Amino acid sequence: MVSAGRLIFDKNSLFQVYWGTAYDGTEQKRIEGRLKKTEFLFEAVLDNAPTIFVNKTYERIYGITNEEIRGKQAYHLFIKEHADIIMSMERRDLESGKPVVEEQPAAPIVD
């Protein structure tokens, strides 16, 4: 129980009334706990999920398909400098809550 307010006393210092609000924070605490669990699971999925997707043009030019990329992360596919850029963009997406829209030159694929 959470409350905020003040006790009102008469001139003889006898309690008259409580003036304020009170609410049961149990539901809020339960929701906060579920949110923390969800955030933890979301981070775990992102840390271990395939992070690269390519469009049809990329597939045609570089001869690699989304199926071949599935299960790999940027560092498995690109040189370190380009993988760092990709991972930085993904982190900004997550932190801002919206996609980072910027074009990057095609990244060389690691052989």
C-alpha atoms as a PDB file:
ATOM      1  CA  MET A   1       0.000   0.000   0.000  1.00  0.00           C
ATOM      2  CA  VAL A   2       1.348   3.390  -0.982  1.00  0.00           C
ATOM      3  CA  SER A   3      -0.177   6.579   0.342  1.00  0.00           C
ATOM      4  CA  ALA A   4       0.463  10.307   0.266  1.00  0.00           C
ATOM      5  CA  GLY A   5      -1.457  12.849   2.246  1.00  0.00           C
ATOM      6  CA  ARG A   6      -1.811  14.344   5.658  1.00  0.00           C
ATOM      7  CA  LEU A   7      -3.677  13.760   8.857  1.00  0.00           C
ATOM      8  CA  ILE A   8      -6.039  16.533   9.943  1.00  0.00           C
ATOM      9  CA  PHE A   9      -6.400  17.199  13.668  1.00  0.00           C
ATOM     10  CA  ASP A  10      -8.771  19.496  15.502  1.00  0.00           C
ATOM     11  CA  LYS A  11      -7.691  22.253  17.877  1.00  0.00           C
ATOM     12  CA  ASN A  12      -7.507  19.679  20.699  1.00  0.00           C
ATOM     13  CA  SER A  13      -5.065  17.557  18.665  1.00  0.00           C
ATOM     14  CA  LEU A  14      -7.645  14.851  18.060  1.00  0.00           C
ATOM     15  CA  PHE A  15      -7.526  13.097  14.717  1.00  0.00           C
ATOM     16  CA  GLN A  16     -10.354  14.166  12.436  1.00  0.00           C
ATOM     17  CA  VAL A  17      -9.634  12.938   8.929  1.00  0.00           C
ATOM     18  CA  TYR A  18      -6.963  11.709   6.568  1.00  0.00           C
ATOM     19  CA  TRP A  19      -6.727  13.911   3.483  1.00  0.00           C
ATOM     20  CA  GLY A  20      -4.866  12.314   0.579  1.00  0.00           C
ATOM     21  CA  THR A  21      -4.675   9.278  -1.646  1.00  0.00           C
ATOM     22  CA  ALA A  22      -3.695   5.673  -1.239  1.00  0.00           C
ATOM     23  CA  TYR A  23      -3.314   2.829  -3.690  1.00  0.00           C
ATOM     24  CA  ASP A  24      -2.227  -0.765  -3.731  1.00  0.00           C
ATOM     25  CA  GLY A  25       1.044  -1.005  -5.679  1.00  0.00           C
ATOM     26  CA  THR A  26       0.976  -4.813  -5.881  1.00  0.00           C
ATOM     27  CA  GLU A  27      -0.169  -4.873  -9.520  1.00  0.00           C
ATOM     28  CA  GLN A  28       2.420  -2.263 -10.499  1.00  0.00           C
ATOM     29  CA  LYS A  29       5.212  -4.291  -8.879  1.00  0.00           C
ATOM     30  CA  ARG A  30       3.988  -7.428 -10.644  1.00  0.00           C
ATOM     31  CA  ILE A  31       4.010  -5.632 -14.002  1.00  0.00           C
ATOM     32  CA  GLU A  32       7.490  -4.202 -13.345  1.00  0.00           C
ATOM     33  CA  GLY A  33       8.742  -7.720 -12.623  1.00  0.00           C
ATOM     34  CA  ARG A  34       7.234  -9.044 -15.856  1.00  0.00           C
ATOM     35  CA  LEU A  35       8.743  -6.127 -17.787  1.00  0.00           C
ATOM     36  CA  LYS A  36      12.221  -6.867 -16.419  1.00  0.00           C
ATOM     37  CA  LYS A  37      11.828 -10.538 -17.351  1.00  0.00           C
ATOM     38  CA  THR A  38      10.651  -9.586 -20.848  1.00  0.00           C
ATOM     39  CA  GLU A  39      13.585  -7.197 -21.302  1.00  0.00           C
ATOM     40  CA  PHE A  40      16.004  -9.932 -20.213  1.00  0.00           C
ATOM     41  CA  LEU A  41      14.487 -12.437 -22.653  1.00  0.00           C
ATOM     42  CA  PHE A  42      14.445  -9.878 -25.474  1.00  0.00           C
ATOM     43  CA  GLU A  43      18.147  -9.138 -24.975  1.00  0.00           C
ATOM     44  CA  ALA A  44      18.931 -12.855 -24.895  1.00  0.00           C
ATOM     45  CA  VAL A  45      17.086 -13.383 -28.180  1.00  0.00           C
ATOM     46  CA  LEU A  46      18.828 -10.442 -29.836  1.00  0.00           C
ATOM     47  CA  ASP A  47      22.237 -11.539 -28.594  1.00  0.00           C
ATOM     48  CA  ASN A  48      21.769 -14.976 -30.138  1.00  0.00           C
ATOM     49  CA  ALA A  49      19.510 -14.368 -33.131  1.00  0.00           C
ATOM     50  CA  PRO A  50      20.569 -13.992 -36.736  1.00  0.00           C
ATOM     51  CA  THR A  51      20.971 -10.296 -37.297  1.00  0.00           C
ATOM     52  CA  ILE A  52      21.544  -9.929 -41.020  1.00  0.00           C
ATOM     53  CA  PHE A  53      18.912  -9.804 -43.732  1.00  0.00           C
ATOM     54  CA  VAL A  54      19.549  -8.905 -47.370  1.00  0.00           C
ATOM     55  CA  ASN A  55      17.286  -7.857 -50.199  1.00  0.00           C
ATOM     56  CA  LYS A  56      17.011  -9.524 -53.615  1.00  0.00           C
ATOM     57  CA  THR A  57      19.437  -7.078 -55.245  1.00  0.00           C
ATOM     58  CA  TYR A  58      22.120  -7.902 -52.679  1.00  0.00           C
ATOM     59  CA  GLU A  59      21.470 -11.609 -53.240  1.00  0.00           C
ATOM     60  CA  ARG A  60      21.904 -11.188 -57.001  1.00  0.00           C
ATOM     61  CA  ILE A  61      25.064  -9.049 -56.807  1.00  0.00           C
ATOM     62  CA  TYR A  62      26.895 -11.018 -54.106  1.00  0.00           C
ATOM     63  CA  GLY A  63      25.468 -14.461 -54.746  1.00  0.00           C
ATOM     64  CA  ILE A  64      24.409 -15.071 -51.147  1.00  0.00           C
ATOM     65  CA  THR A  65      20.828 -15.630 -50.029  1.00  0.00           C
ATOM     66  CA  ASN A  66      18.936 -14.994 -46.820  1.00  0.00           C
ATOM     67  CA  GLU A  67      18.808 -18.773 -46.322  1.00  0.00           C
ATOM     68  CA  GLU A  68      22.625 -18.934 -46.392  1.00  0.00           C
ATOM     69  CA  ILE A  69      22.852 -16.029 -43.965  1.00  0.00           C
ATOM     70  CA  ARG A  70      20.296 -17.409 -41.502  1.00  0.00           C
ATOM     71  CA  GLY A  71      21.875 -18.213 -38.140  1.00  0.00           C
ATOM     72  CA  LYS A  72      24.953 -16.070 -38.731  1.00  0.00           C
ATOM     73  CA  GLN A  73      25.847 -12.736 -37.225  1.00  0.00           C
ATOM     74  CA  ALA A  74      27.549  -9.740 -38.828  1.00  0.00           C
ATOM     75  CA  TYR A  75      31.000 -10.844 -37.675  1.00  0.00           C
ATOM     76  CA  HIS A  76      30.562 -14.180 -39.491  1.00  0.00           C
ATOM     77  CA  LEU A  77      29.770 -12.478 -42.794  1.00  0.00           C
ATOM     78  CA  PHE A  78      31.631  -9.197 -43.056  1.00  0.00           C
ATOM     79  CA  ILE A  79      35.057  -7.770 -42.341  1.00  0.00           C
ATOM     80  CA  LYS A  80      35.351  -6.428 -38.796  1.00  0.00           C
ATOM     81  CA  GLU A  81      35.063  -2.744 -39.729  1.00  0.00           C
ATOM     82  CA  HIS A  82      31.773  -3.275 -41.550  1.00  0.00           C
ATOM     83  CA  ALA A  83      30.425  -5.668 -38.916  1.00  0.00           C
ATOM     84  CA  ASP A  84      31.161  -3.006 -36.263  1.00  0.00           C
ATOM     85  CA  ILE A  85      29.077  -0.480 -38.247  1.00  0.00           C
ATOM     86  CA  ILE A  86      26.182  -2.922 -38.593  1.00  0.00           C
ATOM     87  CA  MET A  87      26.211  -3.812 -34.896  1.00  0.00           C
ATOM     88  CA  SER A  88      26.401  -0.123 -33.944  1.00  0.00           C
ATOM     89  CA  MET A  89      23.315   0.595 -36.047  1.00  0.00           C
ATOM     90  CA  GLU A  90      21.441  -2.296 -34.434  1.00  0.00           C
ATOM     91  CA  ARG A  91      22.318  -1.032 -30.940  1.00  0.00           C
ATOM     92  CA  ARG A  92      21.071   2.452 -31.854  1.00  0.00           C
ATOM     93  CA  ASP A  93      17.841   0.903 -33.174  1.00  0.00           C
ATOM     94  CA  LEU A  94      17.278  -0.871 -29.869  1.00  0.00           C
ATOM     95  CA  GLU A  95      18.187   2.120 -27.702  1.00  0.00           C
ATOM     96  CA  SER A  96      16.068   4.608 -29.662  1.00  0.00           C
ATOM     97  CA  GLY A  97      13.148   2.258 -30.179  1.00  0.00           C
ATOM     98  CA  LYS A  98      13.022   3.088 -33.895  1.00  0.00           C
ATOM     99  CA  PRO A  99      15.036   2.008 -36.915  1.00  0.00           C
ATOM    100  CA  VAL A 100      18.156   3.890 -37.898  1.00  0.00           C
ATOM    101  CA  VAL A 101      17.718   4.896 -41.513  1.00  0.00           C
ATOM    102  CA  GLU A 102      20.996   5.415 -43.299  1.00  0.00           C
ATOM    103  CA  GLU A 103      22.596   3.904 -46.327  1.00  0.00           C
ATOM    104  CA  GLN A 104      25.940   2.172 -46.142  1.00  0.00           C
ATOM    105  CA  PRO A 105      28.079   1.081 -49.058  1.00  0.00           C
ATOM    106  CA  ALA A 106      27.925  -2.637 -49.747  1.00  0.00           C
ATOM    107  CA  ALA A 107      30.126  -4.442 -47.277  1.00  0.00           C
ATOM    108  CA  PRO A 108      32.713  -6.958 -48.470  1.00  0.00           C
ATOM    109  CA  ILE A 109      31.842 -10.496 -47.515  1.00  0.00           C
ATOM    110  CA  VAL A 110      34.314 -12.597 -45.566  1.00  0.00           C
ATOM    111  CA  ASP A 111      35.476 -15.643 -47.525  1.00  0.00           C
END
